[in-house]
């Protein structure tokens, strides 16, 4: 297969291994009334596999050169939108689709991973997200020792599905990739969302600093009580705690 010239500024790397493409498509189980949103379909290799599910399919592609490959995939259940996903109103784009559940699949470059994830957390209709990202980014998201990972834990159950070696792409990137799954939690405590995200952001504001030195905008004496109950002392760092600890602190502060 001849691949279109990749644009470096868009972080384009085309997955060429058909077996891996099928594994990614099969990472979600959908019914005919479900909707799959694909971000960055490129030349449509994964899109073709997703169409076999006979679900509704909406693809966002920023590179209009891909129209040559994608337009022939359009039908009454498949829609291609040539627009930056970060600049679109997804709910408006899918308002006329009688979907039941929504799934997202994306192959995204490092530079826009965080913005896309931030946007998806606000799209509470999405049941499950499958992302193909740099392996290092995947491990960071799963590790729970940084602000992105702990923030995501408020919304999702996270896991790495499998690794993808760099020689499976055209052009070959410098690093390996991994496919991760983010499944929306069935019970999300919305009333704590803002306070949780604020606490996590400030807790990680200065890497390797103890929690006490980062949370200068809080009454740390109250937090210290919770830390003691959790088995920590006042020299604990944010990266040494787990997401549930932050939620426990938020619940305590909200009650007092």
Foldseek 3Di string as FASTA:
>chain_A
DDADDDDVVQVDKAFADLVVLLVLLVVDQDALQAEEEEEACHLPSSVVNNVVRNHAYEYEAQDPVSCVRCVVVDDPRYYYHNHHPLPDDVCVVCVPRRHDAYEYEYEHEPVCPQSVLVVVLVVVRHFKYKYKYFQVVLCVLCLQLALNNLLLVLFWDKDWDAWAAQVSIVPRDPGTITIMMTGGDPDHPVVLNVVLSVLSCQLPVDPPAFSVVSVPVDPVVQVQVLCVVVPHHRRHGSSVDHSVSSVVSSVSVVVD
